[in-house]
Amino acid sequence: MKKLSYIPHGVCAREIIVEIGDDNTVQNVKFIGGCNGNTSGISMLVKGMNADEVIERLKDIDCNGRGTSCPAQLALALQKAKE
């Protein structure tokens, strides 16, 4: 199992903690800060998914013209955790 604490950029969340299993599935995601309902929902939706699929689906999501979003930052956190 790989666990990573990631500091996102350009979003309201201050930290994203991700855990990826040895089989490349997302085991747990926790956002610190941000819109609690949305980040809790994202965390539950991606749990058990293949990390590569999550990355592909979320990497280009934009929040109000910021050029990124909490889901896009989660994709970056997962990518970093895989390295």
C-alpha atoms as a PDB file:
ATOM      1  CA  MET A   1       0.000   0.000   0.000  1.00  0.00           C
ATOM      2  CA  LYS A   2       1.237   3.474  -0.879  1.00  0.00           C
ATOM      3  CA  LYS A   3       0.150   6.506   1.148  1.00  0.00           C
ATOM      4  CA  LEU A   4       0.840  10.110   0.187  1.00  0.00           C
ATOM      5  CA  SER A   5       0.055  13.519   1.625  1.00  0.00           C
ATOM      6  CA  TYR A   6      -0.256  15.991  -1.263  1.00  0.00           C
ATOM      7  CA  ILE A   7      -0.464  19.794  -1.035  1.00  0.00           C
ATOM      8  CA  PRO A   8      -2.824  20.942  -3.814  1.00  0.00           C
ATOM      9  CA  HIS A   9      -2.440  24.222  -5.709  1.00  0.00           C
ATOM     10  CA  GLY A  10      -5.099  26.644  -6.930  1.00  0.00           C
ATOM     11  CA  VAL A  11      -7.996  25.147  -4.943  1.00  0.00           C
ATOM     12  CA  CYS A  12      -9.645  25.572  -1.551  1.00  0.00           C
ATOM     13  CA  ALA A  13      -8.480  22.212  -0.189  1.00  0.00           C
ATOM     14  CA  ARG A  14      -5.245  22.481   1.810  1.00  0.00           C
ATOM     15  CA  GLU A  15      -4.198  18.827   1.682  1.00  0.00           C
ATOM     16  CA  ILE A  16      -5.182  15.566  -0.011  1.00  0.00           C
ATOM     17  CA  ILE A  17      -4.242  12.254   1.578  1.00  0.00           C
ATOM     18  CA  VAL A  18      -4.419   9.252  -0.755  1.00  0.00           C
ATOM     19  CA  GLU A  19      -3.852   5.547  -0.289  1.00  0.00           C
ATOM     20  CA  ILE A  20      -3.376   3.197  -3.253  1.00  0.00           C
ATOM     21  CA  GLY A  21      -3.360  -0.577  -2.813  1.00  0.00           C
ATOM     22  CA  ASP A  22      -0.779  -2.897  -4.291  1.00  0.00           C
ATOM     23  CA  ASP A  23      -3.361  -3.772  -6.973  1.00  0.00           C
ATOM     24  CA  ASN A  24      -3.506  -0.071  -8.069  1.00  0.00           C
ATOM     25  CA  THR A  25      -6.946   0.538  -6.560  1.00  0.00           C
ATOM     26  CA  VAL A  26      -7.792   3.668  -4.611  1.00  0.00           C
ATOM     27  CA  GLN A  27      -8.209   2.550  -0.996  1.00  0.00           C
ATOM     28  CA  ASN A  28      -8.843   5.888   0.674  1.00  0.00           C
ATOM     29  CA  VAL A  29      -8.956   9.610  -0.120  1.00  0.00           C
ATOM     30  CA  LYS A  30      -9.258  12.398   2.426  1.00  0.00           C
ATOM     31  CA  PHE A  31      -9.437  16.102   1.606  1.00  0.00           C
ATOM     32  CA  ILE A  32      -8.486  18.644   4.264  1.00  0.00           C
ATOM     33  CA  GLY A  33     -10.427  21.832   3.585  1.00  0.00           C
ATOM     34  CA  GLY A  34     -12.426  22.547   0.476  1.00  0.00           C
ATOM     35  CA  CYS A  35     -16.161  22.040  -0.026  1.00  0.00           C
ATOM     36  CA  ASN A  36     -16.867  19.197   2.394  1.00  0.00           C
ATOM     37  CA  GLY A  37     -19.899  17.769   0.578  1.00  0.00           C
ATOM     38  CA  ASN A  38     -18.173  17.700  -2.790  1.00  0.00           C
ATOM     39  CA  THR A  39     -14.840  16.374  -1.574  1.00  0.00           C
ATOM     40  CA  SER A  40     -16.520  13.713   0.597  1.00  0.00           C
ATOM     41  CA  GLY A  41     -18.575  12.649  -2.417  1.00  0.00           C
ATOM     42  CA  ILE A  42     -15.524  12.443  -4.670  1.00  0.00           C
ATOM     43  CA  SER A  43     -13.696  10.401  -2.029  1.00  0.00           C
ATOM     44  CA  MET A  44     -16.530   7.859  -1.809  1.00  0.00           C
ATOM     45  CA  LEU A  45     -16.988   7.629  -5.578  1.00  0.00           C
ATOM     46  CA  VAL A  46     -13.346   6.825  -6.340  1.00  0.00           C
ATOM     47  CA  LYS A  47     -12.860   4.328  -3.507  1.00  0.00           C
ATOM     48  CA  GLY A  48     -12.181   0.906  -5.015  1.00  0.00           C
ATOM     49  CA  MET A  49     -11.568   2.290  -8.516  1.00  0.00           C
ATOM     50  CA  ASN A  50      -8.428   1.705 -10.527  1.00  0.00           C
ATOM     51  CA  ALA A  51      -6.121   4.688  -9.884  1.00  0.00           C
ATOM     52  CA  ASP A  52      -5.304   5.081 -13.591  1.00  0.00           C
ATOM     53  CA  GLU A  53      -8.996   5.334 -14.465  1.00  0.00           C
ATOM     54  CA  VAL A  54      -9.547   7.954 -11.756  1.00  0.00           C
ATOM     55  CA  ILE A  55      -6.586   9.967 -13.050  1.00  0.00           C
ATOM     56  CA  GLU A  56      -7.861   9.834 -16.630  1.00  0.00           C
ATOM     57  CA  ARG A  57     -11.407  10.870 -15.677  1.00  0.00           C
ATOM     58  CA  LEU A  58     -10.499  13.718 -13.312  1.00  0.00           C
ATOM     59  CA  LYS A  59      -7.279  15.248 -14.642  1.00  0.00           C
ATOM     60  CA  ASP A  60      -8.837  17.989 -16.815  1.00  0.00           C
ATOM     61  CA  ILE A  61     -11.733  19.163 -14.617  1.00  0.00           C
ATOM     62  CA  ASP A  62     -11.752  22.943 -14.154  1.00  0.00           C
ATOM     63  CA  CYS A  63     -13.365  24.900 -11.308  1.00  0.00           C
ATOM     64  CA  ASN A  64     -14.673  28.330 -12.360  1.00  0.00           C
ATOM     65  CA  GLY A  65     -11.806  29.106 -14.738  1.00  0.00           C
ATOM     66  CA  ARG A  66      -9.039  28.351 -12.228  1.00  0.00           C
ATOM     67  CA  GLY A  67      -7.360  25.938 -14.612  1.00  0.00           C
ATOM     68  CA  THR A  68      -7.682  23.184 -12.002  1.00  0.00           C
ATOM     69  CA  SER A  69     -10.101  21.794  -9.432  1.00  0.00           C
ATOM     70  CA  CYS A  70     -10.129  19.536  -6.389  1.00  0.00           C
ATOM     71  CA  PRO A  71     -10.800  16.501  -8.635  1.00  0.00           C
ATOM     72  CA  ALA A  72      -7.927  17.516 -10.951  1.00  0.00           C
ATOM     73  CA  GLN A  73      -5.660  17.944  -7.935  1.00  0.00           C
ATOM     74  CA  LEU A  74      -6.716  14.486  -6.733  1.00  0.00           C
ATOM     75  CA  ALA A  75      -5.603  13.118 -10.113  1.00  0.00           C
ATOM     76  CA  LEU A  76      -2.205  14.763  -9.587  1.00  0.00           C
ATOM     77  CA  ALA A  77      -1.986  13.356  -6.052  1.00  0.00           C
ATOM     78  CA  LEU A  78      -2.732   9.848  -7.321  1.00  0.00           C
ATOM     79  CA  GLN A  79      -0.166  10.208 -10.097  1.00  0.00           C
ATOM     80  CA  LYS A  80       2.442  11.304  -7.549  1.00  0.00           C
ATOM     81  CA  ALA A  81       1.561   8.404  -5.245  1.00  0.00           C
ATOM     82  CA  LYS A  82       2.132   5.950  -8.090  1.00  0.00           C
ATOM     83  CA  GLU A  83       5.691   7.183  -8.716  1.00  0.00           C
END
